[in-house]
Protein backbone atom coordinates (compact mmCIF):
# COMPACT_ATOMS: atom_id res chain seq x y z
CA UNK A 1 -1.17 0.88 -51.41
CA UNK A 2 -4.55 2.54 -51.30
CA UNK A 3 -5.39 5.13 -48.71
CA UNK A 4 -7.95 2.89 -47.09
CA UNK A 5 -5.29 0.07 -46.74
CA UNK A 6 -2.82 2.63 -45.31
CA UNK A 7 -5.33 3.63 -42.47
CA UNK A 8 -6.34 -0.01 -41.79
CA UNK A 9 -2.65 -0.95 -41.27
CA UNK A 10 -1.99 2.01 -39.19
CA UNK A 11 -5.07 1.47 -37.05
CA UNK A 12 -4.27 -2.11 -36.56
CA UNK A 13 -0.82 -1.11 -35.22
CA UNK A 14 -2.41 1.52 -33.02
CA UNK A 15 -4.62 -1.12 -31.50
CA UNK A 16 -1.70 -3.43 -30.86
CA UNK A 17 0.35 -0.64 -29.31
CA UNK A 18 -2.52 0.35 -27.03
CA UNK A 19 -2.99 -3.23 -25.79
CA UNK A 20 0.72 -3.72 -25.04
CA UNK A 21 0.87 -0.31 -23.36
CA UNK A 22 -2.15 -1.24 -21.20
CA UNK A 23 -0.74 -4.54 -20.13
CA UNK A 24 2.60 -2.98 -19.47
CA UNK A 25 1.16 -0.28 -17.29
CA UNK A 26 -1.05 -2.75 -15.40
CA UNK A 27 2.00 -4.96 -14.65
CA UNK A 28 3.97 -1.90 -13.50
CA UNK A 29 1.11 -0.77 -11.25
CA UNK A 30 1.37 -4.07 -9.29
CA UNK A 31 5.04 -3.34 -8.75
CA UNK A 32 4.25 0.24 -7.68
CA UNK A 33 1.58 -0.98 -5.28
CA UNK A 34 3.87 -3.42 -3.63
CA UNK A 35 6.56 -0.76 -3.25
CA UNK A 36 4.10 1.74 -1.79
CA UNK A 37 3.04 -0.91 0.83
CA UNK A 38 6.70 -1.64 1.67
CA UNK A 39 7.60 2.17 1.96
CA UNK A 40 4.52 2.84 4.16
CA UNK A 41 5.12 -0.21 6.39
CA UNK A 42 8.65 1.00 6.97
CA UNK A 43 7.71 4.46 7.69
CA UNK A 44 4.95 3.53 10.03
CA UNK A 45 7.16 1.07 11.99
CA UNK A 46 9.77 3.69 12.55
CA UNK A 47 7.03 6.16 13.68
CA UNK A 48 5.40 3.83 16.04
CA UNK A 49 8.51 2.52 17.54
CA UNK A 50 10.11 5.97 18.01
CA UNK A 51 7.06 7.30 19.71
CA UNK A 52 6.78 4.29 22.08
CA UNK A 53 10.39 4.78 22.94
CA UNK A 54 9.93 8.47 23.58
CA UNK A 55 7.08 7.67 25.76
CA UNK A 56 9.31 5.32 27.80
CA UNK A 57 7.23 2.21 27.47
CA UNK A 58 8.31 -0.75 29.56
CA UNK A 59 7.32 -4.37 29.72
CA UNK A 60 5.09 -3.80 32.76
CA UNK A 61 2.85 -1.36 30.87
CA UNK A 62 1.86 -4.42 28.70
CA UNK A 63 2.02 -7.13 31.37
CA UNK A 64 0.13 -5.44 34.11
CA UNK A 65 -3.65 -6.18 34.54
CA UNK A 66 -4.35 -2.73 35.83
CA UNK A 67 -6.90 -1.16 33.43
CA UNK A 68 -6.04 2.26 34.97
CA UNK A 69 -2.42 2.04 34.02
CA UNK A 70 -3.34 0.87 30.50
CA UNK A 71 -5.63 3.88 30.14
CA UNK A 72 -3.10 6.27 31.49
CA UNK A 73 -0.13 4.93 29.39
CA UNK A 74 -1.81 4.19 26.09
CA UNK A 75 -4.38 6.94 25.80
CA UNK A 76 -1.51 9.31 26.34
CA UNK A 77 0.43 7.44 23.56
CA UNK A 78 -2.51 7.59 21.24
CA UNK A 79 -2.80 11.29 21.82
CA UNK A 80 1.00 11.56 20.67
CA UNK A 81 0.42 9.67 17.35
CA UNK A 82 -3.21 10.46 16.51
CA UNK A 83 -3.89 12.00 13.09
CA UNK A 84 -6.48 11.89 10.35
CA UNK A 85 -4.39 8.98 8.87
CA UNK A 86 -4.48 6.89 12.12
CA UNK A 87 -8.06 6.14 12.90
CA UNK A 88 -7.63 3.36 15.43
CA UNK A 89 -5.04 1.50 17.40
CA UNK A 90 -5.15 -1.72 19.36
CA UNK A 91 -2.59 -2.63 21.98
CA UNK A 92 -1.85 -6.31 22.50
CA UNK A 93 -0.12 -8.18 25.26
CA UNK A 94 1.68 -11.46 24.90
CA UNK A 95 -1.65 -13.39 25.83
CA UNK A 96 -3.01 -12.03 22.53
CA UNK A 97 -5.48 -9.83 24.56
CA UNK A 98 -6.40 -6.33 23.57
CA UNK A 99 -5.47 -4.35 26.70
CA UNK A 100 -6.20 -0.91 25.24
CA UNK A 101 -7.93 0.52 22.12
CA UNK A 102 -9.54 3.90 21.17
CA UNK A 103 -12.36 1.68 20.18
CA UNK A 104 -13.15 0.77 23.82
CA UNK A 105 -15.72 -2.04 23.15
CA UNK A 106 -12.69 -4.16 21.82
CA UNK A 107 -10.70 -4.01 25.09
CA UNK A 108 -10.52 -7.34 26.69
CA UNK A 109 -11.15 -9.40 23.46
CA UNK A 110 -8.68 -12.26 22.79
CA UNK A 111 -7.63 -13.79 19.56
CA UNK A 112 -5.53 -16.95 19.96
CA UNK A 113 -5.44 -17.75 16.28
CA UNK A 114 -4.27 -14.46 14.92
CA UNK A 115 -1.42 -15.37 12.50
CA UNK A 116 -0.27 -11.65 11.94
CA UNK A 117 -0.11 -11.25 15.75
CA UNK A 118 1.98 -14.37 16.18
CA UNK A 119 4.43 -13.07 13.58
CA UNK A 120 4.54 -9.66 15.28
CA UNK A 121 5.49 -11.20 18.62
CA UNK A 122 8.22 -13.01 16.80
CA UNK A 123 9.60 -9.65 15.74
CA UNK A 124 8.11 -9.41 12.22
CA UNK A 125 6.16 -6.23 11.10
CA UNK A 126 2.95 -7.51 9.49
CA UNK A 127 0.60 -5.59 7.31
CA UNK A 128 -2.66 -6.67 5.85
CA UNK A 129 -4.95 -4.86 3.38
CA UNK A 130 -8.61 -5.44 4.41
CA UNK A 131 -11.88 -4.53 2.71
CA UNK A 132 -14.56 -2.90 4.67
CA UNK A 133 -16.16 -5.16 7.22
CA UNK A 134 -18.46 -5.20 10.19
CA UNK A 135 -16.00 -4.25 12.84
CA UNK A 136 -15.29 -0.95 11.04
CA UNK A 137 -18.86 0.38 11.10
CA UNK A 138 -18.22 2.67 14.08
CA UNK A 139 -15.43 4.46 12.09
CA UNK A 140 -15.63 6.83 9.17
CA UNK A 141 -16.38 4.94 5.90
CA UNK A 142 -13.41 3.67 4.07
CA UNK A 143 -13.53 0.95 1.48
CA UNK A 144 -10.12 -0.45 2.32
CA UNK A 145 -7.95 -0.46 5.36
CA UNK A 146 -4.26 -1.20 6.14
CA UNK A 147 -3.75 -3.07 9.40
CA UNK A 148 -0.25 -2.84 10.62
CA UNK A 149 1.04 -4.92 13.44
CA UNK A 150 4.17 -3.31 14.96
CA UNK A 151 6.31 -5.14 17.48
CA UNK A 152 7.32 -2.90 20.41
CA UNK A 153 10.54 -3.18 22.25
CA UNK A 154 11.24 -1.91 25.72
CA UNK A 155 13.14 1.29 26.31
CA UNK A 156 15.73 -0.71 28.34
CA UNK A 157 15.82 -3.85 26.16
CA UNK A 158 15.88 -3.53 22.38
CA UNK A 159 15.72 -7.27 21.78
CA UNK A 160 12.64 -8.51 23.59
CA UNK A 161 9.08 -7.82 22.10
CA UNK A 162 7.11 -6.48 25.08
CA UNK A 163 3.84 -5.96 23.16
CA UNK A 164 2.34 -5.25 19.77
CA UNK A 165 0.62 -2.05 18.61
CA UNK A 166 -1.80 -2.50 15.74
CA UNK A 167 -2.59 0.57 13.65
CA UNK A 168 -5.52 0.93 11.39
CA UNK A 169 -5.13 3.38 8.49
CA UNK A 170 -7.11 3.94 5.20
CA UNK A 171 -5.01 2.59 2.32
CA UNK A 172 -5.89 5.47 0.15
CA UNK A 173 -2.40 7.09 0.79
CA UNK A 174 -0.64 4.05 -0.58
CA UNK A 175 -3.04 3.82 -3.51
CA UNK A 176 -2.43 7.49 -4.38
CA UNK A 177 1.35 6.98 -4.29
CA UNK A 178 1.07 4.00 -6.73
CA UNK A 179 -1.48 5.87 -8.77
CA UNK A 180 0.95 8.78 -9.25
CA UNK A 181 3.53 6.38 -10.56
CA UNK A 182 0.99 4.69 -12.82
CA UNK A 183 0.18 8.17 -14.35
CA UNK A 184 3.75 8.67 -15.24
CA UNK A 185 3.83 5.21 -16.80
CA UNK A 186 0.87 6.14 -18.84
CA UNK A 187 2.45 9.23 -20.12
CA UNK A 188 5.69 7.48 -21.00
CA UNK A 189 3.84 4.63 -22.71
CA UNK A 190 1.66 6.98 -24.64
CA UNK A 191 4.68 9.08 -25.75
CA UNK A 192 6.56 5.94 -26.92
CA UNK A 193 3.40 4.60 -28.74
CA UNK A 194 2.86 7.87 -30.55
CA UNK A 195 6.52 8.01 -31.68
CA UNK A 196 6.38 4.47 -32.97
CA UNK A 197 3.07 5.07 -34.70
CA UNK A 198 4.46 8.27 -36.26
CA UNK A 199 7.54 6.67 -37.56
CA UNK A 200 5.62 3.65 -38.82
CA UNK A 201 3.11 5.95 -40.46
CA UNK A 202 5.80 7.93 -42.36
CA UNK A 203 7.36 4.64 -43.42
CA UNK A 204 4.06 3.35 -44.84
CA UNK A 205 3.31 6.64 -46.51
CA UNK A 206 6.70 6.77 -48.04
CA UNK A 207 6.27 3.28 -49.30
CA UNK A 208 2.91 4.21 -50.78
CA UNK A 209 4.34 7.32 -52.60
CA UNK A 210 7.41 5.42 -53.93
CA UNK A 211 6.74 4.58 -57.61
CA UNK A 212 7.22 1.04 -58.76
CA UNK A 213 10.18 0.45 -60.95
CA UNK A 214 9.44 0.22 -64.67
CA UNK A 215 9.76 -3.23 -66.17
CA UNK A 216 11.56 -3.26 -69.42
CA UNK A 217 11.23 -6.09 -72.06
């Protein structure tokens, strides 16, 4: 086998290994991204509910029509949970009306056909990843948001959903978590590919250097 043939074969194998590794890493990233969303949703649900219980929220906090009480209860609650990672909350009552938000112009808006909200009032935690859209212009710029709908249960009744708290967060935290795992996958895939390429290269070189057996007549 000539030297040029050797390098052509080795290069072909390297390309195949690179393509297989890239596909594998890409598929694994989708798994990591889904896991990051699940982990984040669970952590935020526990946090939102724990803080609501600590604040002693009751059904009347959500059902009352008193704007003063809404402001008193939920502005204090927002102060408890506010962080650079929580840029907005909306508090919903059973009529699908926003009764309080730190984005005050949304208070009083009603959305009867909000599927995620319906699911939340049925006790399911819903999370949607949304791209930048018009309603976000008053906030700091993020290309992608996570909207998490957390059902809230009363301090005295752990079975009845008394309201829903929707939290807006930039999804960069989840992307970073998935990205870190992807980088580990890239390292592992690269090491395996180099090992395979090295072994194959030695095998091809050994075959090239092995003399052909003499043919006797």
